[in-house]
Amino acid sequence: MLKCIKKSFDSMLTSTTSVVETASGESNITNIQCTFQFVKPTTNLPLIELALHLSAAAKYIPSQFSAINIRVSFGVHITTCTVFESGKIIVVGAISLSHSLFASQMYRQWLSSFVCTFIDPKTKARTRFNLVNRGLLNDYRVNNIVACGNVGHRIKIKELHDSCPWDTSYSPGAFPGCALLIWVKPKKNCKCNVDEPFKKSCPCNLRSSIFDSGKFTSYGIPTLEHVNYS
């Protein structure tokens, strides 16, 4: 079933890599993290049964991490799916918004093909039924976008840090790049982190690591439109 669905989407996904034009060059999206709710909040997933169904495709070690990790390539790029007992699913590794939504749908459809014993969190009652047509894609949203690019010329990192020390962090002995705080909203209007404005991220800013070669990596980007700010 998965092969048939993947084949029909291969042509669409071939061109899904997001390249955002900026004034200084191009920013390529390298990772998108999204979340969604797979089952109703009143039901818990039996992770041990799911791990047995998924076999070698899944990694589940309850003593180390209380969730199932699944790594699958759907034609374009390898994505990782983390399934929690509450039914919350996190998908990372997508390279465009279309790829992220497609991978989420594929994981939902794959997990919806098993027969499992559901557990009621309150009564602990067990109900065994088929997951087909019962898997959900509720509350789907993109939480984080990572982009990288090149400004096209070398950067004097020390001078950059000295010019705006309040929005940069530079420790060459620990890390060769300069951590830069980029404001997507006016800084003067931000009331999120009054005490320690640089140590905590908020919806008003995103972070970027820039190197003397001109290459940079931006992370904590909430939407595709904000990639331009990086």
Protein backbone atom coordinates (compact mmCIF):
# COMPACT_ATOMS: atom_id res chain seq x y z
CA MET A 1 0.00 0.00 0.00
CA LEU A 2 2.78 2.42 0.92
CA LYS A 3 4.62 1.73 -2.35
CA CYS A 4 1.53 2.56 -4.42
CA ILE A 5 0.95 5.84 -2.58
CA LYS A 6 4.64 6.78 -2.74
CA LYS A 7 4.78 6.15 -6.49
CA SER A 8 1.87 8.48 -7.16
CA PHE A 9 3.55 11.29 -5.23
CA ASP A 10 7.14 10.83 -6.46
CA SER A 11 6.76 13.29 -9.33
CA MET A 12 5.25 15.92 -7.04
CA LEU A 13 7.93 15.55 -4.37
CA THR A 14 10.86 15.73 -6.78
CA SER A 15 10.52 19.52 -6.83
CA THR A 16 9.57 20.11 -3.20
CA THR A 17 12.93 21.41 -1.98
CA SER A 18 12.30 24.95 -0.78
CA VAL A 19 14.72 27.60 -1.95
CA VAL A 20 13.92 31.09 -0.71
CA GLU A 21 15.41 34.05 -2.55
CA THR A 22 16.90 36.71 -0.28
CA ALA A 23 18.69 39.97 -0.94
CA SER A 24 22.05 38.33 -0.27
CA GLY A 25 21.50 35.01 -2.02
CA GLU A 26 19.52 31.85 -1.38
CA SER A 27 18.37 30.15 1.80
CA ASN A 28 17.82 26.41 1.52
CA ILE A 29 15.47 24.74 3.97
CA THR A 30 17.21 21.68 5.42
CA ASN A 31 14.77 20.56 8.10
CA ILE A 32 11.15 21.14 9.10
CA GLN A 33 9.66 19.92 12.36
CA CYS A 34 5.90 19.44 12.63
CA THR A 35 3.51 17.86 15.13
CA PHE A 36 0.01 16.43 15.00
CA GLN A 37 -2.38 14.41 17.14
CA PHE A 38 -2.89 10.87 15.85
CA VAL A 39 -5.70 9.70 18.18
CA LYS A 40 -8.24 11.37 20.46
CA PRO A 41 -6.77 12.76 23.71
CA THR A 42 -8.95 10.35 25.70
CA THR A 43 -7.04 7.33 24.33
CA ASN A 44 -3.50 6.07 24.82
CA LEU A 45 -1.51 4.16 22.21
CA PRO A 46 -0.03 0.74 23.09
CA LEU A 47 3.56 1.47 22.12
CA ILE A 48 4.80 -2.09 22.68
CA GLU A 49 2.24 -3.51 20.22
CA LEU A 50 2.99 -0.81 17.66
CA ALA A 51 6.73 -1.49 17.93
CA LEU A 52 6.10 -5.20 17.29
CA HIS A 53 3.99 -4.39 14.22
CA LEU A 54 6.59 -1.96 12.86
CA SER A 55 9.40 -4.46 13.44
CA ALA A 56 12.81 -3.32 12.14
CA ALA A 57 11.47 0.07 11.01
CA ALA A 58 10.99 1.18 14.62
CA LYS A 59 13.25 1.72 17.60
CA TYR A 60 11.63 1.49 21.02
CA ILE A 61 13.66 1.31 24.25
CA PRO A 62 11.31 2.34 27.11
CA SER A 63 14.14 2.53 29.65
CA GLN A 64 15.86 5.23 27.58
CA PHE A 65 13.03 7.11 25.87
CA SER A 66 9.28 6.62 26.26
CA ALA A 67 8.41 6.91 22.56
CA ILE A 68 8.82 5.03 19.28
CA ASN A 69 11.25 6.37 16.69
CA ILE A 70 10.60 5.49 13.04
CA ARG A 71 12.94 6.37 10.15
CA VAL A 72 11.54 6.01 6.63
CA SER A 73 12.42 7.47 3.23
CA PHE A 74 9.38 8.41 1.14
CA GLY A 75 11.17 8.92 -2.17
CA VAL A 76 12.87 12.27 -1.48
CA HIS A 77 14.48 12.44 1.94
CA ILE A 78 14.65 10.38 5.11
CA THR A 79 12.23 11.59 7.77
CA THR A 80 11.98 10.58 11.41
CA CYS A 81 8.68 10.08 13.21
CA THR A 82 8.43 10.03 17.02
CA VAL A 83 5.23 8.46 18.40
CA PHE A 84 4.22 9.10 22.02
CA GLU A 85 1.74 7.14 24.10
CA SER A 86 -0.60 10.15 24.22
CA GLY A 87 -1.00 9.96 20.43
CA LYS A 88 1.17 13.00 19.74
CA ILE A 89 3.47 12.53 16.75
CA ILE A 90 6.53 14.62 15.84
CA VAL A 91 7.91 14.45 12.29
CA VAL A 92 11.36 15.88 11.48
CA GLY A 93 13.64 15.78 8.44
CA ALA A 94 11.26 17.22 5.82
CA ILE A 95 12.77 19.66 3.32
CA SER A 96 9.65 21.60 2.34
CA LEU A 97 6.16 22.29 3.64
CA SER A 98 4.67 19.91 1.06
CA HIS A 99 7.12 17.19 2.04
CA SER A 100 6.33 17.71 5.73
CA LEU A 101 2.58 17.36 5.20
CA PHE A 102 3.05 14.39 2.87
CA ALA A 103 5.32 12.55 5.34
CA SER A 104 2.82 13.19 8.15
CA GLN A 105 0.00 11.76 6.05
CA MET A 106 2.12 8.73 5.15
CA TYR A 107 2.96 8.01 8.79
CA ARG A 108 -0.70 8.47 9.75
CA GLN A 109 -1.83 6.05 7.04
CA TRP A 110 0.87 3.52 7.88
CA LEU A 111 0.07 3.51 11.61
CA SER A 112 -3.64 3.28 10.76
CA SER A 113 -3.17 -0.17 9.23
CA PHE A 114 -2.58 -2.08 12.48
CA VAL A 115 -4.83 -3.85 14.98
CA CYS A 116 -3.98 -2.61 18.47
CA THR A 117 -5.29 -2.60 22.02
CA PHE A 118 -6.19 0.95 23.01
CA ILE A 119 -5.96 1.97 26.65
CA ASP A 120 -8.29 4.44 28.34
CA PRO A 121 -6.08 6.76 30.49
CA LYS A 122 -8.73 7.09 33.24
CA THR A 123 -10.30 3.64 33.55
CA LYS A 124 -7.30 1.69 32.12
CA ALA A 125 -9.86 -0.29 30.11
CA ARG A 126 -8.44 -2.03 27.04
CA THR A 127 -10.26 -1.96 23.71
CA ARG A 128 -8.99 -3.95 20.75
CA PHE A 129 -9.94 -2.73 17.28
CA ASN A 130 -8.52 -1.98 13.88
CA LEU A 131 -6.85 1.40 13.40
CA VAL A 132 -7.90 1.60 9.73
CA ASN A 133 -9.79 4.86 9.07
CA ARG A 134 -9.38 5.83 12.73
CA GLY A 135 -6.04 7.62 12.55
CA LEU A 136 -6.29 11.40 12.74
CA LEU A 137 -4.24 14.38 11.60
CA ASN A 138 -5.55 16.83 14.17
CA ASP A 139 -3.75 20.00 15.26
CA TYR A 140 -1.15 19.73 12.50
CA ARG A 141 1.32 22.59 12.70
CA VAL A 142 4.90 23.45 11.83
CA ASN A 143 6.95 24.28 14.92
CA ASN A 144 10.46 24.84 13.63
CA ILE A 145 12.21 25.45 10.31
CA VAL A 146 15.99 25.19 9.82
CA ALA A 147 17.55 26.96 6.83
CA CYS A 148 21.11 27.42 5.62
CA GLY A 149 22.73 29.62 3.02
CA ASN A 150 25.65 31.80 2.05
CA VAL A 151 25.83 35.59 2.03
CA GLY A 152 28.33 35.48 -0.84
CA HIS A 153 31.35 37.05 0.89
CA ARG A 154 33.50 36.56 3.96
CA ILE A 155 32.41 37.99 7.32
CA LYS A 156 34.57 39.68 9.94
CA ILE A 157 33.05 37.89 12.92
CA LYS A 158 34.88 39.90 15.60
CA GLU A 159 33.77 43.23 14.11
CA LEU A 160 30.21 41.94 13.78
CA HIS A 161 30.16 40.99 17.46
CA ASP A 162 31.70 44.30 18.56
CA SER A 163 29.17 46.30 16.55
CA CYS A 164 26.14 44.71 18.26
CA PRO A 165 27.21 42.78 21.39
CA TRP A 166 23.66 42.83 22.79
CA ASP A 167 22.32 40.63 19.97
CA THR A 168 25.35 38.42 19.33
CA SER A 169 27.38 35.83 21.21
CA TYR A 170 30.92 35.00 20.12
CA SER A 171 33.35 32.66 21.90
CA PRO A 172 35.99 31.55 19.36
CA GLY A 173 37.55 29.14 21.84
CA ALA A 174 34.28 27.20 22.18
CA PHE A 175 32.60 27.67 18.80
CA PRO A 176 34.00 29.20 15.59
CA GLY A 177 30.73 30.84 14.56
CA CYS A 178 28.87 33.85 15.87
CA ALA A 179 25.40 33.29 17.32
CA LEU A 180 23.13 36.06 16.12
CA LEU A 181 19.66 36.99 17.33
CA ILE A 182 17.44 38.17 14.45
CA TRP A 183 14.28 40.08 15.25
CA VAL A 184 11.24 39.32 13.09
CA LYS A 185 9.22 41.82 15.09
CA PRO A 186 10.36 45.19 16.48
CA LYS A 187 12.70 44.55 19.38
CA LYS A 188 11.31 47.44 21.39
CA ASN A 189 7.85 45.84 21.35
CA CYS A 190 9.04 42.49 22.69
CA LYS A 191 7.91 41.83 26.26
CA CYS A 192 8.59 38.07 26.26
CA ASN A 193 12.01 37.91 27.98
CA VAL A 194 12.61 41.13 29.85
CA ASP A 195 15.26 39.78 32.24
CA GLU A 196 17.45 37.74 29.86
CA PRO A 197 16.55 38.77 26.31
CA PHE A 198 19.36 36.85 24.57
CA LYS A 199 19.25 33.58 26.50
CA LYS A 200 15.64 32.75 25.64
CA SER A 201 13.95 32.48 22.27
CA CYS A 202 10.49 33.87 21.72
CA PRO A 203 8.07 34.34 18.79
CA CYS A 204 9.59 37.78 18.21
CA ASN A 205 13.00 36.48 17.12
CA LEU A 206 14.93 33.64 15.55
CA ARG A 207 18.54 32.53 15.87
CA SER A 208 21.32 32.17 13.35
CA SER A 209 24.91 30.94 13.45
CA ILE A 210 27.15 32.72 10.96
CA PHE A 211 30.75 31.83 10.08
CA ASP A 212 33.62 33.84 8.64
CA SER A 213 33.26 31.99 5.33
CA GLY A 214 29.86 33.65 4.86
CA LYS A 215 27.84 30.52 5.46
CA PHE A 216 25.02 30.61 8.00
CA THR A 217 22.43 28.35 9.59
CA SER A 218 19.18 29.73 10.95
CA TYR A 219 16.88 27.84 13.29
CA GLY A 220 13.79 28.46 15.37
CA ILE A 221 12.03 29.88 12.29
CA PRO A 222 8.25 29.70 12.88
CA THR A 223 6.97 30.15 9.32
CA LEU A 224 8.25 30.02 5.74
CA GLU A 225 7.82 33.80 5.39
CA HIS A 226 10.29 34.36 8.22
CA VAL A 227 13.06 32.54 6.33
CA ASN A 228 13.64 35.84 4.52
CA TYR A 229 14.67 37.43 7.82
CA SER A 230 17.53 34.95 8.14
